[in-house]
Protein backbone atom coordinates (compact mmCIF):
# COMPACT_ATOMS: atom_id res chain seq x y z
CA MET A 1 8.82 62.75 -13.18
CA LYS A 2 11.84 60.60 -14.01
CA ARG A 3 10.72 57.86 -11.48
CA LYS A 4 7.22 57.79 -13.20
CA GLN A 5 8.91 57.53 -16.70
CA LEU A 6 11.22 54.71 -15.45
CA ALA A 7 8.32 52.87 -13.89
CA ALA A 8 6.26 53.14 -17.12
CA LEU A 9 9.23 51.91 -19.06
CA LEU A 10 9.72 48.85 -16.74
CA ILE A 11 6.04 48.08 -17.00
CA GLY A 12 6.08 48.22 -20.72
CA LEU A 13 9.14 45.98 -20.79
CA CYS A 14 7.44 43.41 -18.56
CA VAL A 15 4.33 43.42 -20.73
CA THR A 16 6.26 43.30 -24.03
CA VAL A 17 8.78 40.63 -23.06
CA GLY A 18 6.52 38.63 -20.76
CA PHE A 19 8.75 38.88 -17.68
CA CYS A 20 5.88 39.68 -15.47
CA ARG A 21 3.63 36.85 -16.60
CA ALA A 22 3.32 34.26 -13.94
CA ALA A 23 3.99 30.73 -15.12
CA GLU A 24 0.96 28.55 -15.37
CA PRO A 25 0.82 25.92 -12.65
CA LYS A 26 1.33 22.43 -13.79
CA ASN A 27 -1.58 20.10 -13.74
CA ASP A 28 -1.34 16.85 -11.85
CA ARG A 29 -0.71 14.71 -14.96
CA GLN A 30 2.21 17.01 -15.92
CA VAL A 31 3.65 16.58 -12.47
CA TRP A 32 3.49 12.88 -12.76
CA ALA A 33 4.71 12.61 -16.31
CA GLU A 34 7.72 14.80 -15.74
CA MET A 35 8.76 12.98 -12.63
CA CYS A 36 8.30 9.55 -14.27
CA TYR A 37 10.44 10.79 -17.12
CA LYS A 38 13.13 12.07 -14.79
CA ILE A 39 13.27 8.72 -13.11
CA ALA A 40 13.24 6.64 -16.30
CA ARG A 41 15.47 8.64 -18.61
CA PRO A 42 19.04 7.93 -17.21
CA VAL A 43 18.17 4.24 -17.15
CA LEU A 44 16.67 3.80 -20.63
CA GLU A 45 18.81 6.33 -22.41
CA ASN A 46 21.98 4.53 -21.23
CA MET A 47 20.62 0.97 -21.63
CA SER A 48 19.32 1.57 -25.10
CA LYS A 49 23.07 2.22 -26.06
CA GLY A 50 24.37 -0.73 -23.98
CA GLU A 51 25.93 1.69 -21.51
CA LEU A 52 23.85 1.26 -18.35
CA GLN A 53 26.43 -0.96 -16.65
CA LYS A 54 29.21 1.41 -17.73
CA ASN A 55 27.54 4.64 -16.51
CA MET A 56 25.08 3.83 -13.75
CA GLN A 57 26.24 5.35 -10.46
CA LEU A 58 25.58 2.37 -8.05
CA GLU A 59 24.99 2.54 -4.36
CA TYR A 60 24.66 -0.35 -2.00
CA SER A 61 23.31 -0.71 1.52
CA PRO A 62 25.86 -0.22 4.31
CA THR A 63 24.74 -3.77 5.49
CA TRP A 64 25.01 -5.34 2.03
CA ASP A 65 24.95 -9.05 2.31
CA GLY A 66 27.63 -9.82 -0.22
CA ARG A 67 25.49 -11.19 -3.05
CA ASP A 68 26.60 -10.51 -6.66
CA LYS A 69 26.45 -6.80 -7.06
CA ARG A 70 25.40 -7.05 -10.69
CA VAL A 71 21.87 -7.91 -9.60
CA ALA A 72 21.49 -4.09 -9.41
CA TYR A 73 21.11 -3.67 -13.14
CA LEU A 74 18.20 -6.20 -13.50
CA GLU A 75 16.53 -4.76 -10.48
CA THR A 76 16.73 -1.26 -12.06
CA PHE A 77 15.38 -2.27 -15.53
CA GLY A 78 12.74 -4.77 -14.41
CA ARG A 79 11.14 -2.67 -11.71
CA LEU A 80 11.17 0.48 -13.83
CA MET A 81 9.52 -1.27 -16.78
CA ALA A 82 6.77 -2.85 -14.64
CA GLY A 83 5.61 0.64 -13.70
CA ILE A 84 5.86 2.52 -17.00
CA THR A 85 4.80 0.14 -19.80
CA PRO A 86 1.05 1.10 -19.56
CA TRP A 87 2.14 4.70 -20.22
CA LEU A 88 4.40 3.72 -23.18
CA ALA A 89 1.45 1.89 -24.67
CA LEU A 90 -0.62 5.08 -25.20
CA PRO A 91 -0.95 6.27 -28.88
CA GLU A 92 1.57 8.62 -30.05
CA ASP A 93 0.73 12.36 -30.11
CA ASN A 94 2.63 15.65 -30.54
CA THR A 95 2.15 16.98 -26.98
CA GLU A 96 5.20 17.51 -24.79
CA GLU A 97 4.06 14.55 -22.80
CA GLY A 98 3.75 12.50 -26.12
CA LYS A 99 7.32 13.41 -27.09
CA MET A 100 8.70 12.23 -23.81
CA ARG A 101 6.65 9.05 -23.97
CA LYS A 102 7.79 8.26 -27.54
CA GLN A 103 11.40 8.71 -26.60
CA LEU A 104 11.21 6.45 -23.58
CA HIS A 105 9.33 3.81 -25.64
CA GLU A 106 12.00 3.83 -28.26
CA TRP A 107 14.76 3.53 -25.64
CA ALA A 108 12.79 0.84 -23.86
CA LEU A 109 12.51 -1.47 -26.83
CA LEU A 110 16.28 -1.27 -27.54
CA SER A 111 16.85 -1.84 -23.72
CA TYR A 112 14.71 -4.94 -23.77
CA LYS A 113 16.85 -6.31 -26.57
CA ASN A 114 20.09 -5.47 -24.92
CA ALA A 115 19.02 -7.12 -21.65
CA VAL A 116 19.09 -10.63 -23.26
CA ASP A 117 21.71 -10.18 -25.88
CA PRO A 118 24.90 -12.09 -24.86
CA GLU A 119 26.89 -9.66 -27.05
CA SER A 120 25.60 -6.56 -25.41
CA PRO A 121 27.56 -4.86 -22.60
CA ASP A 122 24.12 -4.54 -20.81
CA TYR A 123 23.37 -8.30 -20.97
CA LEU A 124 21.87 -8.92 -17.56
CA LEU A 125 22.58 -11.56 -14.93
CA TRP A 126 20.91 -14.62 -16.52
CA LYS A 127 23.67 -17.15 -16.24
CA ASN A 128 24.99 -18.64 -12.95
CA CYS A 129 22.61 -16.23 -11.34
CA PRO A 130 21.65 -15.65 -7.71
CA SER A 131 18.06 -16.16 -6.52
CA GLN A 132 17.48 -12.42 -6.76
CA THR A 133 17.37 -12.72 -10.49
CA LEU A 134 14.01 -14.55 -10.14
CA VAL A 135 12.46 -11.51 -8.30
CA ASP A 136 13.27 -9.09 -11.10
CA ALA A 137 12.62 -11.41 -13.92
CA ALA A 138 9.10 -11.47 -12.47
CA TYR A 139 8.82 -7.72 -12.77
CA LEU A 140 10.09 -7.86 -16.36
CA ALA A 141 7.48 -10.58 -17.06
CA GLU A 142 4.91 -8.31 -15.43
CA SER A 143 5.89 -5.42 -17.62
CA PHE A 144 5.08 -7.53 -20.69
CA LEU A 145 1.76 -8.67 -19.34
CA ARG A 146 0.72 -5.11 -18.58
CA ALA A 147 1.32 -3.79 -22.04
CA PRO A 148 1.99 -6.71 -24.44
CA GLU A 149 1.23 -4.80 -27.72
CA ALA A 150 3.71 -2.04 -26.82
CA THR A 151 6.43 -4.41 -25.40
CA TRP A 152 6.49 -8.18 -26.09
CA GLN A 153 4.83 -7.96 -29.45
CA LYS A 154 7.26 -5.23 -30.58
CA LEU A 155 10.27 -7.44 -29.99
CA ASP A 156 11.93 -9.42 -32.72
CA LYS A 157 11.56 -13.23 -32.62
CA VAL A 158 15.24 -13.79 -31.58
CA THR A 159 14.77 -11.44 -28.65
CA GLN A 160 11.52 -13.12 -27.66
CA GLN A 161 13.11 -16.55 -27.76
CA ARG A 162 16.08 -15.26 -25.59
CA TYR A 163 13.60 -14.16 -22.96
CA ILE A 164 11.75 -17.45 -23.02
CA GLU A 165 15.04 -19.34 -22.62
CA CYS A 166 16.12 -16.98 -19.77
CA PHE A 167 12.86 -17.34 -17.93
CA LYS A 168 12.87 -21.08 -18.27
CA GLY A 169 16.45 -21.18 -17.00
CA LEU A 170 15.24 -19.74 -13.64
CA ARG A 171 13.41 -22.94 -12.84
CA VAL A 172 16.55 -24.19 -11.06
CA LEU A 173 16.13 -21.42 -8.41
CA ARG A 174 14.19 -22.13 -5.33
CA PRO A 175 11.96 -19.26 -4.15
CA ALA A 176 11.73 -18.30 -0.52
CA TYR A 177 8.57 -19.38 1.34
CA ASN A 178 6.94 -16.03 1.32
CA ASN A 179 5.99 -13.46 -1.43
CA TRP A 180 8.69 -14.99 -3.45
CA LEU A 181 6.30 -17.71 -4.56
CA LEU A 182 4.57 -15.08 -6.54
CA PHE A 183 7.83 -14.27 -8.49
CA ARG A 184 8.07 -17.85 -9.65
CA THR A 185 4.48 -18.01 -10.46
CA MET A 186 4.43 -14.70 -12.37
CA VAL A 187 7.27 -15.94 -14.63
CA GLU A 188 5.39 -19.16 -15.36
CA ALA A 189 2.12 -17.34 -15.98
CA PHE A 190 3.84 -15.17 -18.56
CA LEU A 191 5.28 -18.20 -20.30
CA LEU A 192 1.64 -19.57 -20.31
CA SER A 193 0.39 -16.35 -21.86
CA VAL A 194 2.70 -16.52 -24.87
CA GLY A 195 1.94 -20.12 -25.62
CA GLU A 196 4.91 -21.74 -24.00
CA GLU A 197 4.80 -24.84 -21.85
CA ALA A 198 4.51 -23.60 -18.32
CA ASP A 199 5.14 -25.44 -15.03
CA ALA A 200 1.60 -26.55 -14.06
CA PHE A 201 2.68 -27.44 -10.51
CA VAL A 202 3.92 -23.95 -9.88
CA LEU A 203 0.74 -22.45 -11.34
CA SER A 204 -1.31 -24.60 -9.00
CA VAL A 205 0.56 -24.42 -5.74
CA GLY A 206 1.66 -20.84 -5.93
CA PRO A 207 -1.80 -19.25 -6.06
CA ASN A 208 -3.26 -21.77 -3.53
CA LYS A 209 -0.58 -21.00 -1.06
CA ILE A 210 -1.12 -17.24 -1.31
CA ASN A 211 -4.76 -17.80 -0.81
CA GLU A 212 -3.96 -19.75 2.40
CA TRP A 213 -2.03 -16.79 3.63
CA TYR A 214 -4.93 -14.31 3.21
CA LEU A 215 -5.87 -13.10 6.71
CA SER A 216 -8.78 -10.61 6.43
CA ASP A 217 -9.54 -7.02 5.89
CA GLY A 218 -7.52 -6.85 2.67
CA PHE A 219 -4.23 -8.21 4.20
CA TYR A 220 -2.11 -11.26 3.34
CA SER A 221 0.52 -12.70 5.47
CA ASP A 222 3.94 -12.55 3.80
CA GLY A 223 4.56 -16.24 4.43
CA PRO A 224 3.50 -18.07 7.56
CA GLU A 225 3.89 -14.97 9.76
CA PHE A 226 2.23 -11.58 9.31
CA ALA A 227 4.54 -8.64 8.83
CA PHE A 228 3.38 -5.06 9.17
CA ASP A 229 5.01 -3.48 6.03
CA TYR A 230 4.00 -2.51 2.54
CA TYR A 231 4.60 -5.84 0.80
CA ASN A 232 0.97 -6.28 0.31
CA SER A 233 1.26 -3.40 -2.16
CA PHE A 234 4.83 -4.01 -3.46
CA VAL A 235 4.08 -7.67 -4.43
CA MET A 236 1.21 -9.55 -2.97
CA HIS A 237 -1.95 -7.97 -4.23
CA PRO A 238 -0.85 -6.76 -7.76
CA MET A 239 1.12 -9.92 -8.72
CA TYR A 240 -1.61 -12.27 -7.27
CA VAL A 241 -4.44 -10.49 -9.21
CA GLU A 242 -2.45 -10.47 -12.48
CA VAL A 243 -1.42 -13.96 -12.18
CA LEU A 244 -5.03 -15.12 -11.55
CA GLU A 245 -6.23 -13.07 -14.53
CA THR A 246 -3.53 -14.63 -16.79
CA LEU A 247 -4.52 -18.12 -15.59
CA GLU A 248 -8.17 -17.42 -16.31
CA ALA A 249 -7.49 -15.92 -19.77
CA ASN A 250 -5.61 -19.08 -20.60
CA LYS A 251 -8.20 -21.60 -19.26
CA PHE A 252 -5.96 -22.70 -16.42
CA TRP A 253 -8.08 -23.59 -13.40
CA SER A 254 -7.51 -22.05 -9.94
CA ASN A 255 -9.59 -22.38 -6.80
CA VAL A 256 -9.53 -18.55 -6.37
CA SER A 257 -11.04 -16.09 -8.82
CA SER A 258 -9.44 -12.93 -9.85
CA LYS A 259 -12.66 -11.14 -9.03
CA LEU A 260 -12.24 -12.08 -5.29
CA ALA A 261 -8.52 -11.12 -5.44
CA VAL A 262 -9.43 -7.60 -6.76
CA LYS A 263 -12.12 -7.24 -3.94
CA ARG A 264 -9.37 -7.96 -1.37
CA MET A 265 -7.08 -5.51 -3.02
CA GLN A 266 -9.71 -2.83 -3.10
CA ARG A 267 -10.30 -3.39 0.61
CA PHE A 268 -6.59 -2.95 1.18
CA ASN A 269 -6.76 0.36 -0.88
CA THR A 270 -9.44 1.60 1.36
CA ILE A 271 -7.17 1.28 4.38
CA LEU A 272 -4.03 2.48 2.40
CA GLU A 273 -5.81 5.70 1.34
CA ARG A 274 -6.58 6.50 4.97
CA LEU A 275 -2.92 6.13 5.89
CA ILE A 276 -2.11 9.18 3.89
CA SER A 277 -1.98 12.17 6.32
CA PRO A 278 -3.74 15.46 5.68
CA GLU A 279 -0.34 16.96 4.80
CA GLY A 280 0.46 14.28 2.27
CA THR A 281 2.82 11.96 4.05
CA PHE A 282 2.51 8.28 5.15
CA PRO A 283 3.95 6.17 7.92
CA PRO A 284 7.49 4.92 7.22
CA VAL A 285 6.87 1.44 8.65
CA GLY A 286 8.33 -1.94 7.79
CA ARG A 287 11.18 -3.02 5.59
CA SER A 288 11.99 -1.65 2.12
CA ILE A 289 10.61 1.87 2.76
CA THR A 290 13.28 3.06 0.34
CA TYR A 291 10.93 1.87 -2.30
CA ARG A 292 9.36 5.25 -1.80
CA MET A 293 6.10 5.67 -3.93
CA GLY A 294 5.98 1.93 -4.76
CA VAL A 295 4.04 1.82 -1.50
CA PHE A 296 0.95 2.84 -3.51
CA GLN A 297 1.21 0.39 -6.27
CA THR A 298 -2.16 -1.13 -5.43
CA MET A 299 -3.93 2.26 -5.63
CA ALA A 300 -2.14 2.98 -8.93
CA LEU A 301 -3.20 -0.44 -10.33
CA ALA A 302 -6.81 0.11 -9.25
CA ALA A 303 -6.86 3.65 -10.87
CA TRP A 304 -5.45 2.39 -14.06
CA LYS A 305 -7.41 -0.91 -14.47
CA TYR A 306 -10.32 -1.35 -12.04
CA GLY A 307 -11.49 1.98 -10.76
CA MET A 308 -11.31 3.10 -7.16
CA PRO A 309 -13.16 1.38 -4.22
CA GLU A 310 -16.55 2.58 -3.22
CA ASN A 311 -16.64 5.89 -1.39
CA ILE A 312 -13.20 6.86 -2.80
CA SER A 313 -13.06 9.26 -5.80
CA ASN A 314 -10.65 9.79 -8.52
CA GLY A 315 -10.25 13.35 -7.47
CA GLN A 316 -9.15 12.45 -3.93
CA VAL A 317 -6.81 9.59 -4.90
CA ARG A 318 -5.06 11.71 -7.52
CA ALA A 319 -4.75 14.70 -5.17
CA ALA A 320 -3.39 12.62 -2.35
CA LEU A 321 -0.83 10.83 -4.39
CA THR A 322 0.28 13.91 -6.10
CA LYS A 323 0.86 15.68 -2.85
CA VAL A 324 2.76 12.70 -1.36
CA MET A 325 4.92 12.65 -4.61
CA GLN A 326 5.59 16.34 -4.38
CA ASN A 327 6.56 16.13 -0.63
CA MET A 328 8.84 13.24 -1.24
CA PHE A 329 10.73 14.49 -4.24
CA ALA A 330 10.95 18.01 -2.98
CA VAL A 331 13.60 16.90 -0.52
CA GLU A 332 17.15 17.25 -1.75
CA GLY A 333 19.18 13.99 -2.34
CA ASN A 334 16.66 11.69 -3.90
CA PHE A 335 18.86 11.47 -7.03
CA ASN A 336 22.57 11.13 -7.27
CA GLU A 337 24.95 13.19 -9.48
CA LYS A 338 24.26 11.05 -12.59
CA GLY A 339 20.39 11.35 -12.10
CA PHE A 340 19.89 7.89 -10.72
CA LEU A 341 17.81 7.23 -7.67
CA ALA A 342 19.75 7.41 -4.40
CA LEU A 343 19.24 5.28 -1.18
CA GLY A 344 16.70 6.79 1.03
CA PHE A 345 13.03 7.46 1.76
CA ALA A 346 12.76 11.27 1.33
CA GLY A 347 16.17 12.43 0.36
CA HIS A 348 19.50 10.58 0.64
CA GLN A 349 19.31 8.26 3.77
CA PRO A 350 21.56 5.35 3.15
CA ASP A 351 21.18 3.84 6.53
CA LEU A 352 17.50 3.13 5.76
CA ALA A 353 18.52 0.59 3.14
CA ASN A 354 18.09 -3.16 4.07
CA TYR A 355 20.91 -5.62 3.58
CA TYR A 356 19.51 -6.60 0.09
CA THR A 357 18.98 -3.12 -1.10
CA ASN A 358 20.88 -1.21 -3.78
CA ASN A 359 19.78 1.89 -5.69
CA GLY A 360 18.56 -0.37 -8.49
CA SER A 361 16.01 -1.80 -6.05
CA LEU A 362 14.53 1.72 -5.63
CA TYR A 363 12.98 1.74 -9.08
CA MET A 364 9.93 0.12 -7.44
CA THR A 365 8.82 3.70 -6.99
CA SER A 366 7.94 3.67 -10.75
CA LEU A 367 5.05 1.39 -9.91
CA VAL A 368 2.96 4.36 -8.77
CA TYR A 369 2.91 5.68 -12.40
CA LEU A 370 0.57 3.02 -13.75
CA PRO A 371 -2.31 5.70 -14.02
CA LEU A 372 -0.33 7.35 -16.69
CA GLY A 373 -1.48 4.54 -18.85
CA LEU A 374 -4.95 6.25 -18.83
CA PRO A 375 -5.50 8.83 -21.47
CA ALA A 376 -5.34 12.53 -20.42
CA ASP A 377 -9.12 12.87 -20.82
CA HIS A 378 -9.86 10.04 -18.40
CA PRO A 379 -11.87 11.04 -15.22
CA PHE A 380 -8.92 10.01 -13.06
CA TRP A 381 -7.14 13.00 -14.54
CA THR A 382 -9.96 15.38 -15.29
CA ASP A 383 -12.18 15.04 -12.17
CA PRO A 384 -11.82 18.03 -9.76
CA ALA A 385 -9.28 17.47 -6.89
CA GLU A 386 -11.02 16.60 -3.62
CA PRO A 387 -9.90 16.18 -0.02
CA TRP A 388 -8.72 12.68 0.87
CA THR A 389 -10.14 10.90 3.85
CA SER A 390 -7.74 12.08 6.58
CA GLN A 391 -8.16 15.67 5.31
CA LYS A 392 -11.90 15.39 5.70
CA ALA A 393 -11.53 13.72 9.11
CA TRP A 394 -9.25 16.41 10.54
CA THR A 395 -11.24 19.37 9.31
CA GLY A 396 -14.50 18.31 10.69
CA LYS A 397 -16.01 17.19 7.36
CA ASP A 398 -18.09 14.07 6.94
CA PHE A 399 -16.28 11.01 5.76
CA PRO A 400 -17.26 7.35 5.35
CA ILE A 401 -17.36 5.10 8.43
CA ASP A 402 -15.03 2.18 8.24
CA GLY A 403 -15.35 -1.40 9.47
CA HIS A 404 -14.15 -5.04 9.22
CA VAL A 405 -14.47 -6.77 5.87
CA SER A 406 -13.51 -10.44 5.75
CA LEU A 407 -13.38 -11.39 2.07
CA LYS A 408 -12.19 -14.87 2.93
CA LYS A 409 -14.46 -16.25 0.31
């Protein structure tokens, strides 16, 4: 009898207090937004107060090549902002996500200002800078192009002029003869977009050379020789498409159309989606694999801006990327004690870092979060989850046949 009374008491307690109520599972957008916030907060909260360089727990490759270690801060900020500005541009609301987004946006605007303020402790490496500065200035420029109303147009005139001067000051740097041509071109394209005098030679030669390096089937060569890595997603496709769009919007002639560049990117996306395994993993091939989810920037960009390729649904892309994200960040060690990203692919694996890699470099992973720039009621977020291609293939379901697509012209 006492046991029955005790059981009844416990059941009543559970019902009354809610201890027995199972937590509602998070939807995919919540998973993305919370992880994006976790990645961005330590950077922007500190930098908004001019304390990033004071508080960031840095980590460098065991084979670091000796370049100025201060490049880490510009890498951190530029790469992070290139991924999250579309999200920050959404209208304010009172949801939990909206509160996170508003806070990040406020911090970001202060951080943009500190980045070019010579009096700020977080003034970045603009003077006597190494060539690496060109790379991450391009990502900062890209962040402005992706959400100008929420970023560039929110800055005061003094800060805007400082960016213009910093960007023009990079013209003395000579880019490497590979994907780096796009970094130089991106900076000039941004200057063109805000009415500044841009280097017409760079804006002509850069896009033409990238076009010469197009091979077939959605792949560009990263310079004269092809490299089997993810730089087509890290740099080549996104920056090329966005540079061409900027040139077209500003009536600057190019012999390649952005429409063709998007088609090439979508062909690449068709292949990239098939590289995601049924379990939600992908091959760790090529250099810079510590950039983690940045591998999928082209898919994220397509979801946000162009829609998915034919025969690939919103539901399968969202489900696939969510699963990869969960698998990757479920591993212990992706973040250090202060909450900044740690060297590694899935967890803390410092020996995977290339000679040019520091943990600021790793904020390339934020580039996967471009679809957060879509409203929560967009079909990318609301369409039912579906099996992705490899899941269909390995469970005996029908899936689209694949084949060569040139897209040279």
